[in-house]
Amino acid sequence: MLIDSLDGGGAERGVLEYARAFEMKDVDVHLFVLREVDGYDDARAFRTHHVPDAGEHLSVPIDRAAASLRATVADVERTRGAPFDLFLAHLPQSCELAAAARLKPAYMFVHNSFGRELKHELMRGPRRYLRMRKRLTAMRDQHVIAISKDLRREVESSRVIRPASLRLIYHAFPVDQIRAMAREPVAGMPDGPFVVHVGRGSPQKRQDILFRAFRHVPEPHRLVCLSRHVDKLRKLAKRYGIADRLVTPGFQQNPHAWIARARLMALSSDFEGLCRVLIESLICGTPVVSTRCPHGPAEILGEELAHWLVPVRRPDLLGAKITEALETEIDLSRWRLIDEITTEAVAEKLVALFDARSERA
């Protein structure tokens, strides 16, 4: 599997869980990373290989990076004494590189709303937009896997990505392990009730909307943000007048212990691909309030929990819905997606990729 890095994000966590699902089926898994950035301690359990030069995407020509990837793969294949049977690429940069290196047979994963990513890059400048579009078009005529039904529909209707084949495989979730981690003790927990938010300090996550919404949430509830970008979030919280109610313990190797002790999980994103943290929260038994952003939240919550979705970029409605949820006993027993996202269920779909002979021909 090829990934930009193993930094602490949802796609990176998804790759590690795919690796575990494969190993459950006695598949020999190797991770190839473009940048040596590690966020998850448990990534050390897998054989990981750094691809020299490939992470310097703005300064190294794509053909040079592709040659480096091919050489790295060849070295590992010589060491293991056999060629790889399957390549899986994750995130646009890695997918572009896998296509340029002509790795076969290969599947390319779409983890996020690429239409929204293109719009975001266009706002940052035409050069960044063209760079992202070029990466996405590298997936044309490739075999593509979407991590949610809505993402699959986006790929189907896209003029940018025109795949040779398209299928759905959700991220894998080790349900029993998550629930066990949720019971572990953790230091630094707030004394009183709190709402939890998990996410990078990136424009996509719209913590500005969340902080504006939280001004309408009654005391004594505090807001815990699990993120690496502590300084950025604290400055933003000060701007919106909730700095005294914000708790920023930083990135956590075990976020489930925090999530399980929260009254509520809140998500304010403009767009997602699936949104692992919502699923993890529901597995932990913690209700969620989320924007109805593309893609993921509506699909995750389903009809049974759709009441707890609000339109994007509406801090007034988000704040009101958070307040309502804090005053409501929410029944999570009718949540249904859990049957499709267990590690066991996803492992079956992953190993089926080895048998898709006609698709890879």
Protein backbone atom coordinates (compact mmCIF):
# COMPACT_ATOMS: atom_id res chain seq x y z
CA MET A 1 0.00 0.00 0.00
CA LEU A 2 1.22 3.46 -0.94
CA ILE A 3 0.37 6.55 1.18
CA ASP A 4 1.74 10.11 1.39
CA SER A 5 2.70 9.68 5.06
CA LEU A 6 1.45 8.11 8.27
CA ASP A 7 0.62 11.44 9.89
CA GLY A 8 -2.35 11.48 12.23
CA GLY A 9 -5.30 11.76 9.83
CA GLY A 10 -8.38 9.75 8.93
CA ALA A 11 -7.03 8.40 5.63
CA GLU A 12 -3.80 7.35 7.36
CA ARG A 13 -5.73 5.60 10.12
CA GLY A 14 -7.83 3.94 7.41
CA VAL A 15 -4.70 2.56 5.73
CA LEU A 16 -3.47 1.05 9.00
CA GLU A 17 -6.85 -0.60 9.57
CA TYR A 18 -6.85 -1.95 6.00
CA ALA A 19 -3.41 -3.40 6.74
CA ARG A 20 -4.78 -5.13 9.85
CA ALA A 21 -7.73 -6.46 7.87
CA PHE A 22 -5.39 -7.92 5.26
CA GLU A 23 -3.22 -9.53 7.93
CA MET A 24 -6.33 -11.10 9.42
CA LYS A 25 -6.52 -13.00 6.12
CA ASP A 26 -2.81 -13.94 6.23
CA VAL A 27 -1.83 -11.42 3.56
CA ASP A 28 1.76 -10.13 3.62
CA VAL A 29 1.42 -6.33 3.90
CA HIS A 30 4.04 -3.67 3.14
CA LEU A 31 3.52 0.10 3.46
CA PHE A 32 5.37 2.50 1.15
CA VAL A 33 5.37 6.12 2.38
CA LEU A 34 6.41 9.24 0.49
CA ARG A 35 7.30 11.28 3.58
CA GLU A 36 8.71 9.97 6.84
CA VAL A 37 6.10 11.57 9.10
CA ASP A 38 4.67 9.27 11.76
CA GLY A 39 1.63 10.18 13.81
CA TYR A 40 0.43 6.76 14.94
CA ASP A 41 2.58 4.64 17.25
CA ASP A 42 0.95 1.42 16.04
CA ALA A 43 2.23 2.07 12.49
CA ARG A 44 5.50 0.55 13.69
CA ALA A 45 3.82 -2.85 13.70
CA PHE A 46 3.92 -2.92 9.88
CA ARG A 47 6.82 -3.18 7.46
CA THR A 48 7.22 0.37 6.21
CA HIS A 49 9.49 1.60 3.42
CA HIS A 50 10.32 5.23 2.67
CA VAL A 51 10.41 6.23 -1.02
CA PRO A 52 13.31 8.70 -1.48
CA ASP A 53 12.53 11.97 -3.32
CA ALA A 54 8.88 11.05 -3.81
CA GLY A 55 7.61 13.30 -1.02
CA GLU A 56 9.12 16.45 -2.53
CA HIS A 57 6.21 16.83 -4.92
CA LEU A 58 6.80 20.50 -5.74
CA SER A 59 10.51 20.27 -6.50
CA VAL A 60 11.08 16.75 -7.86
CA PRO A 61 9.81 15.88 -11.39
CA ILE A 62 7.15 13.18 -11.44
CA ASP A 63 9.25 10.87 -13.62
CA ARG A 64 12.11 11.02 -11.10
CA ALA A 65 9.76 10.29 -8.22
CA ALA A 66 8.17 7.42 -10.18
CA ALA A 67 11.61 5.93 -10.89
CA SER A 68 12.40 6.13 -7.17
CA LEU A 69 9.16 4.32 -6.32
CA ARG A 70 9.81 1.58 -8.88
CA ALA A 71 13.34 1.09 -7.54
CA THR A 72 12.14 0.93 -3.92
CA VAL A 73 9.44 -1.59 -4.78
CA ALA A 74 11.93 -3.70 -6.76
CA ASP A 75 14.36 -3.74 -3.81
CA VAL A 76 11.64 -4.96 -1.44
CA GLU A 77 10.45 -7.58 -3.93
CA ARG A 78 14.01 -8.93 -4.21
CA THR A 79 14.28 -9.10 -0.42
CA ARG A 80 10.96 -10.92 0.00
CA GLY A 81 11.78 -13.24 -2.91
CA ALA A 82 8.58 -12.63 -4.87
CA PRO A 83 6.74 -9.84 -6.67
CA PHE A 84 3.76 -8.17 -5.06
CA ASP A 85 0.31 -9.45 -6.10
CA LEU A 86 -1.53 -6.18 -5.53
CA PHE A 87 -0.88 -2.45 -5.09
CA LEU A 88 -3.27 -0.06 -3.32
CA ALA A 89 -2.63 3.69 -3.54
CA HIS A 90 -4.20 6.21 -1.14
CA LEU A 91 -4.64 10.00 -1.52
CA PRO A 92 -4.13 12.00 -4.75
CA GLN A 93 -0.34 12.37 -4.61
CA SER A 94 0.25 8.67 -4.05
CA CYS A 95 -2.31 7.74 -6.70
CA GLU A 96 -0.60 10.01 -9.24
CA LEU A 97 2.75 8.48 -8.41
CA ALA A 98 1.44 4.90 -8.61
CA ALA A 99 0.03 5.65 -12.07
CA ALA A 100 3.28 7.26 -13.23
CA ALA A 101 5.27 4.28 -11.94
CA ARG A 102 2.87 1.91 -13.75
CA LEU A 103 2.43 -0.32 -10.74
CA LYS A 104 0.28 -3.31 -11.70
CA PRO A 105 -2.17 -4.58 -10.66
CA ALA A 106 -3.27 -1.47 -8.77
CA TYR A 107 -6.36 0.05 -7.16
CA MET A 108 -6.60 3.72 -6.22
CA PHE A 109 -8.60 4.84 -3.21
CA VAL A 110 -10.66 8.04 -3.10
CA HIS A 111 -10.80 9.15 0.55
CA ASN A 112 -12.27 12.63 0.21
CA SER A 113 -14.61 14.75 -1.88
CA PHE A 114 -12.29 15.64 -4.72
CA GLY A 115 -14.80 18.11 -6.16
CA ARG A 116 -14.64 20.10 -2.92
CA GLU A 117 -10.85 19.75 -2.81
CA LEU A 118 -10.62 21.23 -6.31
CA LYS A 119 -12.79 24.18 -5.29
CA HIS A 120 -10.65 24.72 -2.21
CA GLU A 121 -7.42 24.64 -4.25
CA LEU A 122 -8.88 27.07 -6.79
CA MET A 123 -9.47 29.56 -3.97
CA ARG A 124 -5.77 29.24 -3.08
CA GLY A 125 -4.64 29.96 -6.62
CA PRO A 126 -4.73 28.59 -10.18
CA ARG A 127 -1.38 26.82 -9.85
CA ARG A 128 -2.56 24.76 -6.89
CA TYR A 129 -5.84 24.00 -8.67
CA LEU A 130 -4.06 22.74 -11.80
CA ARG A 131 -1.69 20.66 -9.67
CA MET A 132 -4.61 18.95 -7.90
CA ARG A 133 -6.53 18.43 -11.14
CA LYS A 134 -3.49 16.80 -12.73
CA ARG A 135 -3.21 14.41 -9.81
CA LEU A 136 -6.86 13.46 -10.05
CA THR A 137 -6.78 12.91 -13.80
CA ALA A 138 -3.97 10.38 -13.21
CA MET A 139 -6.75 8.11 -11.93
CA ARG A 140 -8.46 8.00 -15.33
CA ASP A 141 -8.71 4.47 -16.72
CA GLN A 142 -7.52 3.14 -13.37
CA HIS A 143 -9.38 0.82 -11.00
CA VAL A 144 -10.83 3.03 -8.27
CA ILE A 145 -12.24 2.31 -4.81
CA ALA A 146 -14.43 4.83 -2.97
CA ILE A 147 -14.74 4.67 0.82
CA SER A 148 -18.41 5.77 0.92
CA LYS A 149 -21.51 5.47 -1.22
CA ASP A 150 -21.67 9.22 -1.76
CA LEU A 151 -18.04 9.29 -2.89
CA ARG A 152 -18.80 6.46 -5.30
CA ARG A 153 -21.62 8.53 -6.77
CA GLU A 154 -19.29 11.52 -7.07
CA VAL A 155 -16.77 9.46 -9.02
CA GLU A 156 -19.54 8.07 -11.25
CA SER A 157 -20.68 11.55 -12.23
CA SER A 158 -17.21 13.12 -12.49
CA ARG A 159 -15.61 14.33 -15.69
CA VAL A 160 -12.24 14.44 -13.96
CA ILE A 161 -11.99 10.81 -12.84
CA ARG A 162 -13.23 8.30 -15.40
CA PRO A 163 -12.24 4.97 -13.88
CA ALA A 164 -11.88 1.64 -15.60
CA SER A 165 -13.81 0.15 -12.68
CA LEU A 166 -15.32 1.43 -9.47
CA ARG A 167 -16.25 -0.26 -6.22
CA LEU A 168 -17.06 0.61 -2.60
CA ILE A 169 -15.03 -0.52 0.39
CA TYR A 170 -15.62 1.22 3.71
CA HIS A 171 -12.83 1.88 6.16
CA ALA A 172 -12.38 -0.98 8.62
CA PHE A 173 -13.15 -0.52 12.32
CA PRO A 174 -11.97 -2.98 15.02
CA VAL A 175 -15.12 -2.58 17.09
CA ASP A 176 -14.08 -4.65 20.12
CA GLN A 177 -10.65 -2.98 20.26
CA ILE A 178 -12.17 0.51 20.04
CA ARG A 179 -14.55 -0.25 22.89
CA ALA A 180 -11.71 -1.68 24.98
CA MET A 181 -9.58 1.42 24.36
CA ALA A 182 -12.56 3.58 25.30
CA ARG A 183 -12.46 2.08 28.80
CA GLU A 184 -8.77 2.83 29.37
CA PRO A 185 -7.84 5.52 31.94
CA VAL A 186 -6.61 8.83 30.56
CA ALA A 187 -4.97 11.85 32.20
CA GLY A 188 -5.97 15.47 31.71
CA MET A 189 -9.70 14.93 31.41
CA PRO A 190 -11.86 17.99 32.24
CA ASP A 191 -13.64 17.89 35.59
CA GLY A 192 -17.05 18.77 34.20
CA PRO A 193 -19.13 17.78 31.14
CA PHE A 194 -17.64 18.38 27.70
CA VAL A 195 -18.21 18.11 23.97
CA VAL A 196 -15.40 16.59 21.89
CA HIS A 197 -14.17 17.46 18.40
CA VAL A 198 -11.45 15.54 16.56
CA GLY A 199 -9.77 16.95 13.47
CA ARG A 200 -6.84 18.74 11.92
CA GLY A 201 -6.77 22.52 12.07
CA SER A 202 -7.52 22.75 8.35
CA PRO A 203 -10.03 24.90 6.42
CA GLN A 204 -12.03 21.77 5.55
CA LYS A 205 -12.85 21.11 9.23
CA ARG A 206 -14.25 24.65 9.81
CA GLN A 207 -13.43 24.94 13.48
CA ASP A 208 -14.37 28.62 13.10
CA ILE A 209 -17.98 27.50 12.59
CA LEU A 210 -17.76 25.18 15.58
CA PHE A 211 -16.33 27.88 17.85
CA ARG A 212 -19.02 30.36 16.81
CA ALA A 213 -21.63 27.67 17.44
CA PHE A 214 -20.23 26.88 20.88
CA ARG A 215 -20.88 30.42 22.07
CA HIS A 216 -24.56 29.38 22.16
CA VAL A 217 -23.93 26.16 24.13
CA PRO A 218 -24.75 26.66 27.82
CA GLU A 219 -22.27 26.44 30.66
CA PRO A 220 -20.71 24.43 32.23
CA HIS A 221 -19.94 22.41 29.08
CA ARG A 222 -16.43 22.77 27.70
CA LEU A 223 -15.11 21.92 24.25
CA VAL A 224 -12.24 19.44 23.91
CA CYS A 225 -10.39 19.56 20.56
CA LEU A 226 -8.08 16.63 19.84
CA SER A 227 -5.66 17.98 17.23
CA ARG A 228 -1.97 18.60 16.58
CA HIS A 229 -2.68 22.23 15.71
CA VAL A 230 -3.09 23.47 19.28
CA ASP A 231 -1.71 26.99 18.79
CA LYS A 232 -3.83 27.61 15.72
CA LEU A 233 -7.00 26.43 17.45
CA ARG A 234 -6.36 28.44 20.60
CA LYS A 235 -5.87 31.62 18.56
CA LEU A 236 -9.09 30.91 16.71
CA ALA A 237 -10.95 30.23 19.96
CA LYS A 238 -9.74 33.54 21.38
CA ARG A 239 -11.05 35.35 18.30
CA TYR A 240 -14.51 33.85 18.82
CA GLY A 241 -14.60 34.30 22.57
CA ILE A 242 -14.50 30.71 23.81
CA ALA A 243 -10.80 30.39 24.75
CA ASP A 244 -11.68 29.94 28.43
CA ARG A 245 -13.91 26.96 27.57
CA LEU A 246 -11.51 25.26 25.16
CA VAL A 247 -9.38 22.26 26.19
CA THR A 248 -6.55 21.30 23.81
CA PRO A 249 -4.70 18.17 24.97
CA GLY A 250 -3.11 17.75 21.52
CA PHE A 251 -3.02 14.68 19.30
CA GLN A 252 -3.97 11.54 21.23
CA GLN A 253 -2.84 8.01 20.46
CA ASN A 254 -6.07 6.86 22.14
CA PRO A 255 -8.81 9.35 21.25
CA HIS A 256 -11.47 6.76 22.08
CA ALA A 257 -10.95 7.22 25.83
CA TRP A 258 -11.75 10.92 25.38
CA ILE A 259 -14.64 10.32 23.00
CA ALA A 260 -16.29 7.77 25.30
CA ARG A 261 -16.26 10.21 28.24
CA ALA A 262 -17.69 13.11 26.23
CA ARG A 263 -21.36 14.00 26.31
CA LEU A 264 -21.31 14.53 22.56
CA MET A 265 -19.13 14.52 19.43
CA ALA A 266 -19.42 17.64 17.22
CA LEU A 267 -18.36 17.93 13.58
CA SER A 268 -18.42 21.20 11.62
CA SER A 269 -16.78 20.22 8.31
CA ASP A 270 -17.49 21.66 4.88
CA PHE A 271 -16.76 18.27 3.31
CA GLU A 272 -15.51 14.81 4.17
CA GLY A 273 -15.01 11.44 2.50
CA LEU A 274 -16.52 9.22 5.18
CA CYS A 275 -15.42 10.75 8.52
CA ARG A 276 -14.00 8.04 10.75
CA VAL A 277 -14.44 9.97 13.99
CA LEU A 278 -18.25 9.94 13.71
CA ILE A 279 -18.24 6.16 13.37
CA GLU A 280 -15.75 5.78 16.22
CA SER A 281 -17.92 8.00 18.41
CA LEU A 282 -21.03 5.91 17.77
CA ILE A 283 -19.06 2.71 18.44
CA CYS A 284 -18.02 4.25 21.78
CA GLY A 285 -21.67 5.02 22.56
CA THR A 286 -21.26 8.80 22.29
CA PRO A 287 -23.95 10.63 20.24
CA VAL A 288 -22.94 13.00 17.45
CA VAL A 289 -24.10 16.29 15.96
CA SER A 290 -22.68 17.03 12.54
CA THR A 291 -23.02 19.19 9.48
CA ARG A 292 -24.75 17.46 6.59
CA CYS A 293 -21.65 17.90 4.49
CA PRO A 294 -20.60 15.90 1.45
CA HIS A 295 -19.75 13.16 2.06
CA GLY A 296 -20.20 10.79 4.98
CA PRO A 297 -22.27 12.16 7.88
CA ALA A 298 -25.72 11.51 6.38
CA GLU A 299 -24.62 8.07 5.20
CA ILE A 300 -23.17 7.24 8.62
CA LEU A 301 -26.09 8.41 10.73
CA GLY A 302 -28.75 7.03 8.39
CA GLU A 303 -32.43 7.78 8.74
CA GLU A 304 -32.45 6.70 12.38
CA LEU A 305 -30.11 9.53 13.49
CA ALA A 306 -30.65 12.08 10.70
CA HIS A 307 -32.26 14.53 13.14
CA TRP A 308 -28.77 15.38 14.41
CA LEU A 309 -27.54 16.78 11.08
CA VAL A 310 -27.48 20.52 10.28
CA PRO A 311 -26.62 22.49 7.12
CA VAL A 312 -23.00 23.48 6.60
CA ARG A 313 -21.79 26.95 7.60
CA ARG A 314 -24.70 27.61 9.97
CA PRO A 315 -23.18 28.15 13.43
CA ASP A 316 -26.54 29.24 14.80
CA LEU A 317 -28.19 25.94 13.84
CA LEU A 318 -25.16 23.90 14.89
CA GLY A 319 -25.11 25.55 18.32
CA ALA A 320 -28.86 25.00 18.77
CA LYS A 321 -28.59 21.35 17.75
CA ILE A 322 -25.64 20.72 20.10
CA THR A 323 -27.66 22.26 22.94
CA GLU A 324 -30.70 20.13 22.07
CA ALA A 325 -28.58 16.97 21.96
CA LEU A 326 -27.05 17.72 25.36
CA GLU A 327 -30.58 17.88 26.78
CA THR A 328 -31.77 14.67 25.08
CA GLU A 329 -31.34 10.96 25.82
CA ILE A 330 -30.36 9.75 22.34
CA ASP A 331 -30.99 6.09 21.50
CA LEU A 332 -28.08 4.67 19.50
CA SER A 333 -29.34 1.08 19.50
CA ARG A 334 -30.97 1.48 16.06
CA TRP A 335 -27.72 2.52 14.34
CA ARG A 336 -27.21 0.09 11.42
CA LEU A 337 -23.96 0.94 9.57
CA ILE A 338 -21.91 -0.93 12.16
CA ASP A 339 -22.60 -4.24 10.40
CA GLU A 340 -20.77 -3.06 7.26
CA ILE A 341 -17.67 -1.47 8.76
CA THR A 342 -16.27 -4.14 11.08
CA THR A 343 -12.74 -5.33 10.30
CA GLU A 344 -14.11 -8.77 9.51
CA ALA A 345 -16.63 -7.46 6.96
CA VAL A 346 -14.10 -5.19 5.25
CA ALA A 347 -11.43 -7.92 5.16
CA GLU A 348 -13.68 -10.03 2.96
CA LYS A 349 -13.98 -7.23 0.42
CA LEU A 350 -10.25 -6.53 0.46
CA VAL A 351 -9.15 -10.10 -0.22
CA ALA A 352 -11.73 -10.30 -3.02
CA LEU A 353 -9.51 -7.83 -4.91
CA PHE A 354 -7.02 -10.65 -5.47
CA ASP A 355 -9.66 -12.61 -7.37
CA ALA A 356 -10.84 -9.76 -9.64
CA ARG A 357 -8.93 -11.20 -12.61
CA SER A 358 -11.06 -9.78 -15.39
CA GLU A 359 -11.11 -6.33 -13.79
CA ARG A 360 -7.30 -6.16 -13.68
CA ALA A 361 -6.69 -7.56 -17.14
